[in-house]
Amino acid sequence: MGRALSQSDGAAGAGLVTLEQASIWLNQPRLFRQPTRAPSRPRPRPGPQAPLPAGPLGTLLLDLPGKPRFAYRFTPDDELWATRFVVGEAGGADNPDNRAVLSTMFNRFAFFTHEIYPTFAAFIRAYSTPLQPVLRSAGAARRHMNSPDFVRAGGSYPPPNQDVPRGQLRRHLELQRATGNQLPAAAPALVRRALTGQIPNLIGNATEFANTAVYFHDRNHRAPTEEEWRRFTTDFARSKKWTWIGPVHGLDQFRSNAFFVDNRVVSLPPNAVRIALARS
C-alpha cells in the first residue's frame, strides 16, 4: 500500500487523507465527467489499422519534500485500458483536451488512489463509466434501463433504487473487449506517448475536470458568454473545494473541459507528478 497524503505534504489545511476518506471521495457521483460533445462515442472498429506501438513504458513518479518517492511502472494492461479510457471518455483524438484528461488521471492516481487500487488500469476501470463492468451509478442505470442498448447483469441496486436493474450499455461492454487494433488509430499512439513521458503536462497538479459550460446551460437553459463562464467556473470550483487552473494556452476550457486542482494538493510544487522517460 502507498502512503497517506498528509498536511505536511503541502496540501494546506487538508489534514490526513485516509483510505476511508479517499474511497468515499473516489466513489461519489462523477457529475464532472460530462461528455464534451454529442454523447455518442466511436465504437470499436473491426480489422487492423496502424501497427500498435511497442517498446518499454514509463514510470509514474511523485516526489514530495521529505517524503518517500512514489514510483509506479506502467504495464501493457494499463496501456490497453488507458486507450479504451480516452476513446470512451473523449473519443480518443490526439488533442489538448484528451492529453489534459490523461494527465489528470495520472495526477489523481499518484496523489490519492494508488492506495486503493493496485494498478492504474484498476483505477480507471473503477473511475470511468464506460469501463465499469456494471454501472456503479444507479442514476445512470435508471436513465438507460429501458434502452435496447442496456444489458442486464442480474440483481438490482440498493434502496432507494431497488427497482433499477444492474447493468451496462452494450457499446461500453464492446469497448471493454476491444483490442488496440480495433480502436480509433490515434488513440493507441496518443496513450503510448503519454505513458512514455513524451506529452507535456498542460494542467499542472489538476485532479478534476468538468464541462462547466454544460453545467451553466443546464442551470440557465442557455449557453454562457465567456465572462459568465469564467465566473461560473470559479464559483463551481469554490463550491467543491477545488481551484480552477485558469487559462492555459492551447487548451480551450470554455468549449471543452475545465480543469481543477483539489485544494488538498493545491500547495504542492507545480508538476509534482511526472512520468520518467522509458528506457530500453
Protein backbone atom coordinates (compact mmCIF):
# COMPACT_ATOMS: atom_id res chain seq x y z
CA MET A 1 0.00 0.00 0.00
CA GLY A 2 1.12 3.56 -0.61
CA ARG A 3 1.37 6.25 1.99
CA ALA A 4 -1.32 8.72 3.01
CA LEU A 5 -1.06 12.33 1.87
CA SER A 6 -0.61 14.49 4.94
CA GLN A 7 -0.78 18.21 5.66
CA SER A 8 2.99 18.33 5.67
CA ASP A 9 2.94 17.37 2.00
CA GLY A 10 1.79 20.91 1.24
CA ALA A 11 -1.98 20.40 1.00
CA ALA A 12 -2.78 23.44 3.12
CA GLY A 13 -5.42 22.72 5.75
CA ALA A 14 -6.17 19.32 4.28
CA GLY A 15 -5.13 17.10 7.16
CA LEU A 16 -4.57 13.38 6.71
CA VAL A 17 -6.26 11.73 3.73
CA THR A 18 -7.20 8.28 4.99
CA LEU A 19 -8.08 5.26 2.87
CA GLU A 20 -11.71 5.57 4.00
CA GLN A 21 -11.85 9.25 3.00
CA ALA A 22 -10.21 8.54 -0.32
CA SER A 23 -12.64 5.70 -1.00
CA ILE A 24 -15.63 7.94 -0.28
CA TRP A 25 -14.14 10.70 -2.43
CA LEU A 26 -13.48 8.35 -5.34
CA ASN A 27 -16.92 6.75 -5.29
CA GLN A 28 -19.04 9.87 -5.06
CA PRO A 29 -21.10 10.55 -8.22
CA ARG A 30 -18.81 11.70 -11.03
CA LEU A 31 -21.01 14.54 -12.26
CA PHE A 32 -17.99 16.42 -13.55
CA ARG A 33 -17.30 13.81 -16.23
CA GLN A 34 -19.89 15.19 -18.61
CA PRO A 35 -19.32 14.48 -22.29
CA THR A 36 -17.74 17.38 -24.14
CA ARG A 37 -19.61 16.64 -27.34
CA ALA A 38 -22.57 14.60 -28.50
CA PRO A 39 -22.95 11.54 -26.24
CA SER A 40 -22.20 9.01 -28.96
CA ARG A 41 -18.68 7.57 -28.88
CA PRO A 42 -16.75 5.78 -31.59
CA ARG A 43 -17.47 2.08 -31.46
CA PRO A 44 -14.59 -0.38 -31.77
CA ARG A 45 -13.76 -0.98 -35.40
CA PRO A 46 -13.03 -4.44 -36.73
CA GLY A 47 -9.82 -5.18 -38.55
CA PRO A 48 -6.26 -3.89 -38.14
CA GLN A 49 -5.30 -0.27 -38.59
CA ALA A 50 -1.84 1.17 -37.95
CA PRO A 51 0.63 -1.14 -36.16
CA LEU A 52 0.38 -0.83 -32.39
CA PRO A 53 3.22 0.97 -30.61
CA ALA A 54 5.87 -1.18 -28.99
CA GLY A 55 8.71 -0.78 -26.52
CA PRO A 56 9.12 -0.07 -22.78
CA LEU A 57 6.68 2.11 -20.88
CA GLY A 58 7.48 4.91 -18.46
CA THR A 59 7.30 5.22 -14.67
CA LEU A 60 4.84 7.47 -12.87
CA LEU A 61 6.61 9.42 -10.12
CA LEU A 62 5.50 11.60 -7.23
CA ASP A 63 8.30 13.44 -5.43
CA LEU A 64 7.45 15.44 -2.31
CA PRO A 65 9.98 17.10 0.01
CA GLY A 66 10.78 14.90 2.98
CA LYS A 67 8.63 12.02 1.75
CA PRO A 68 9.48 8.68 0.14
CA ARG A 69 9.17 8.72 -3.64
CA PHE A 70 6.08 7.08 -5.10
CA ALA A 71 7.01 5.20 -8.27
CA TYR A 72 4.75 3.10 -10.47
CA ARG A 73 5.88 1.44 -13.70
CA PHE A 74 3.12 1.33 -16.32
CA THR A 75 2.24 -2.06 -17.76
CA PRO A 76 0.79 -3.19 -21.11
CA ASP A 77 -2.52 -3.77 -19.32
CA ASP A 78 -2.51 -0.13 -18.16
CA GLU A 79 -1.79 0.93 -21.74
CA LEU A 80 -4.72 -1.01 -23.17
CA TRP A 81 -7.20 0.25 -20.58
CA ALA A 82 -5.94 3.82 -20.89
CA THR A 83 -6.56 3.59 -24.64
CA ARG A 84 -10.10 2.35 -24.04
CA PHE A 85 -10.49 5.16 -21.50
CA VAL A 86 -9.67 8.02 -23.88
CA VAL A 87 -11.92 6.50 -26.56
CA GLY A 88 -14.84 6.06 -24.16
CA GLU A 89 -14.48 9.39 -22.39
CA ALA A 90 -13.47 11.76 -25.17
CA GLY A 91 -13.24 9.92 -28.50
CA GLY A 92 -9.50 9.22 -28.48
CA ALA A 93 -8.31 12.06 -30.74
CA ASP A 94 -4.84 13.46 -30.15
CA ASN A 95 -5.74 16.95 -28.97
CA PRO A 96 -5.03 19.12 -25.90
CA ASP A 97 -8.24 18.10 -24.12
CA ASN A 98 -7.52 14.36 -24.40
CA ARG A 99 -3.93 14.94 -23.30
CA ALA A 100 -5.05 17.01 -20.32
CA VAL A 101 -7.61 14.39 -19.27
CA LEU A 102 -4.88 11.72 -19.27
CA SER A 103 -2.61 13.95 -17.18
CA THR A 104 -5.46 14.46 -14.72
CA MET A 105 -5.79 10.70 -14.32
CA PHE A 106 -2.06 10.34 -13.70
CA ASN A 107 -2.25 13.03 -11.01
CA ARG A 108 -5.31 11.51 -9.39
CA PHE A 109 -3.73 8.05 -9.21
CA ALA A 110 -0.43 9.35 -7.81
CA PHE A 111 -1.94 11.73 -5.24
CA PHE A 112 -4.87 9.69 -3.98
CA THR A 113 -6.00 6.40 -5.44
CA HIS A 114 -2.84 4.27 -5.68
CA GLU A 115 -3.58 3.50 -2.01
CA ILE A 116 -6.88 1.91 -3.04
CA TYR A 117 -6.16 0.35 -6.44
CA PRO A 118 -3.04 -1.72 -7.08
CA THR A 119 -2.76 -0.73 -10.75
CA PHE A 120 -3.55 2.27 -12.93
CA ALA A 121 -5.79 0.02 -15.04
CA ALA A 122 -7.84 -0.99 -11.99
CA PHE A 123 -8.25 2.66 -11.02
CA ILE A 124 -9.52 3.91 -14.38
CA ARG A 125 -11.80 0.88 -14.73
CA ALA A 126 -13.49 1.87 -11.48
CA TYR A 127 -13.48 5.59 -12.28
CA SER A 128 -14.66 5.63 -15.89
CA THR A 129 -18.33 4.92 -16.56
CA PRO A 130 -17.67 3.30 -19.99
CA LEU A 131 -15.10 0.94 -18.43
CA GLN A 132 -17.17 -0.32 -15.49
CA PRO A 133 -18.34 -3.94 -15.94
CA VAL A 134 -21.61 -2.87 -14.30
CA LEU A 135 -22.66 0.76 -13.93
CA ARG A 136 -21.80 1.92 -10.43
CA SER A 137 -24.34 4.74 -10.59
CA ALA A 138 -27.95 3.71 -10.10
CA GLY A 139 -28.95 7.04 -11.65
CA ALA A 140 -27.05 6.22 -14.82
CA ALA A 141 -28.64 2.77 -14.92
CA ARG A 142 -32.10 4.28 -14.44
CA ARG A 143 -31.58 6.63 -17.39
CA HIS A 144 -30.69 3.71 -19.67
CA MET A 145 -32.62 0.74 -18.25
CA ASN A 146 -35.31 0.84 -20.96
CA SER A 147 -32.87 1.30 -23.83
CA PRO A 148 -32.27 -1.60 -26.23
CA ASP A 149 -28.56 -0.95 -25.64
CA PHE A 150 -28.87 -1.76 -21.91
CA VAL A 151 -27.57 -5.21 -20.95
CA ARG A 152 -28.83 -6.50 -17.62
CA ALA A 153 -26.28 -8.10 -15.33
CA GLY A 154 -28.66 -9.55 -12.76
CA GLY A 155 -29.90 -8.15 -9.48
CA SER A 156 -30.77 -4.56 -8.66
CA TYR A 157 -29.27 -1.55 -6.91
CA PRO A 158 -29.64 -0.91 -3.16
CA PRO A 159 -32.57 1.15 -1.83
CA PRO A 160 -33.97 3.54 -2.79
CA ASN A 161 -33.12 2.24 -6.29
CA GLN A 162 -34.18 -1.37 -5.81
CA ASP A 163 -36.45 -1.03 -8.86
CA VAL A 164 -33.42 -0.37 -11.11
CA PRO A 165 -31.75 -3.43 -12.67
CA ARG A 166 -27.97 -3.61 -12.55
CA GLY A 167 -26.38 -3.45 -15.99
CA GLN A 168 -24.20 -1.66 -18.51
CA LEU A 169 -24.61 -0.32 -22.04
CA ARG A 170 -23.76 -2.75 -24.82
CA ARG A 171 -21.47 -0.24 -26.54
CA HIS A 172 -19.48 0.12 -23.33
CA LEU A 173 -19.14 -3.64 -22.97
CA GLU A 174 -17.92 -3.81 -26.58
CA LEU A 175 -15.37 -1.11 -25.81
CA GLN A 176 -14.14 -3.09 -22.80
CA ARG A 177 -13.48 -6.10 -25.07
CA ALA A 178 -11.85 -4.14 -27.88
CA THR A 179 -8.18 -4.70 -28.64
CA GLY A 180 -5.85 -1.88 -29.61
CA ASN A 181 -6.21 -2.75 -33.29
CA GLN A 182 -9.98 -2.28 -33.06
CA LEU A 183 -9.84 1.22 -31.58
CA PRO A 184 -9.51 4.54 -33.44
CA ALA A 185 -5.98 4.74 -34.81
CA ALA A 186 -4.99 7.95 -32.99
CA ALA A 187 -5.78 6.61 -29.53
CA PRO A 188 -3.06 3.93 -29.09
CA ALA A 189 -0.38 6.31 -30.36
CA LEU A 190 -1.57 9.08 -28.01
CA VAL A 191 -1.58 6.79 -24.99
CA ARG A 192 1.82 5.32 -25.86
CA ARG A 193 3.35 8.80 -25.96
CA ALA A 194 1.61 9.74 -22.69
CA LEU A 195 2.79 6.60 -20.87
CA THR A 196 6.37 7.11 -22.01
CA GLY A 197 6.61 10.71 -20.83
CA GLN A 198 6.51 12.28 -24.29
CA ILE A 199 3.47 14.51 -23.80
CA PRO A 200 3.81 17.76 -21.82
CA ASN A 201 1.54 18.27 -18.82
CA LEU A 202 -0.70 21.24 -19.62
CA ILE A 203 -2.65 21.22 -16.37
CA GLY A 204 -0.07 21.09 -13.56
CA ASN A 205 -1.43 19.28 -10.49
CA ALA A 206 -5.07 19.20 -11.66
CA THR A 207 -7.01 16.24 -10.33
CA GLU A 208 -10.52 17.06 -11.60
CA PHE A 209 -12.18 18.05 -14.85
CA ALA A 210 -15.66 19.30 -15.71
CA ASN A 211 -17.52 20.74 -18.66
CA THR A 212 -18.76 23.77 -16.76
CA ALA A 213 -20.35 25.35 -19.84
CA VAL A 214 -22.71 22.35 -19.88
CA TYR A 215 -23.50 22.90 -16.20
CA PHE A 216 -24.25 26.58 -16.85
CA HIS A 217 -26.57 25.58 -19.69
CA ASP A 218 -28.36 23.00 -17.51
CA ARG A 219 -28.97 25.63 -14.84
CA ASN A 220 -29.83 28.60 -17.07
CA HIS A 221 -31.18 26.93 -20.23
CA ARG A 222 -28.83 28.90 -22.44
CA ALA A 223 -25.17 28.98 -23.35
CA PRO A 224 -22.93 31.29 -21.27
CA THR A 225 -20.86 34.16 -22.53
CA GLU A 226 -17.16 33.66 -21.89
CA GLU A 227 -17.23 36.10 -18.96
CA GLU A 228 -20.25 34.33 -17.45
CA TRP A 229 -18.48 31.03 -17.91
CA ARG A 230 -15.38 32.29 -16.08
CA ARG A 231 -17.42 33.44 -13.09
CA PHE A 232 -19.45 30.24 -13.06
CA THR A 233 -16.32 28.07 -13.30
CA THR A 234 -14.60 29.92 -10.45
CA ASP A 235 -17.71 29.65 -8.23
CA PHE A 236 -18.15 25.98 -9.15
CA ALA A 237 -14.57 25.24 -8.10
CA ARG A 238 -15.00 27.07 -4.81
CA SER A 239 -18.14 25.05 -4.01
CA LYS A 240 -16.18 21.82 -4.49
CA LYS A 241 -13.10 22.98 -2.55
CA TRP A 242 -11.15 22.95 -5.80
CA THR A 243 -9.14 25.66 -7.55
CA TRP A 244 -9.55 26.33 -11.26
CA ILE A 245 -6.18 26.22 -13.06
CA GLY A 246 -7.08 29.34 -15.07
CA PRO A 247 -6.48 29.95 -18.78
CA VAL A 248 -3.90 27.72 -20.46
CA HIS A 249 -2.58 28.47 -23.93
CA GLY A 250 -3.86 25.90 -26.43
CA LEU A 251 -6.43 24.37 -24.06
CA ASP A 252 -9.98 25.53 -24.84
CA GLN A 253 -11.64 25.04 -21.47
CA PHE A 254 -14.61 27.21 -22.47
CA ARG A 255 -15.73 24.82 -25.21
CA SER A 256 -14.46 21.61 -23.63
CA ASN A 257 -13.41 20.51 -20.14
CA ALA A 258 -12.19 22.90 -17.46
CA PHE A 259 -9.52 21.57 -15.09
CA PHE A 260 -9.21 21.95 -11.35
CA VAL A 261 -6.79 21.18 -8.51
CA ASP A 262 -8.18 19.57 -5.39
CA ASN A 263 -7.37 22.01 -2.57
CA ARG A 264 -5.78 19.20 -0.59
CA VAL A 265 -2.85 19.33 -3.02
CA VAL A 266 -3.07 22.89 -4.32
CA SER A 267 0.05 23.99 -2.41
CA LEU A 268 2.30 21.27 -3.76
CA PRO A 269 5.12 22.18 -6.15
CA PRO A 270 3.96 22.54 -9.77
CA ASN A 271 4.02 19.30 -11.73
CA ALA A 272 4.70 17.23 -8.62
CA VAL A 273 3.64 14.20 -10.64
CA ARG A 274 5.71 13.30 -13.67
CA ILE A 275 6.49 10.35 -15.92
CA ALA A 276 10.09 9.31 -16.26
CA LEU A 277 11.15 8.60 -19.82
CA ALA A 278 11.06 4.94 -20.70
CA ARG A 279 14.42 3.32 -21.32
CA SER A 280 15.11 0.11 -23.18
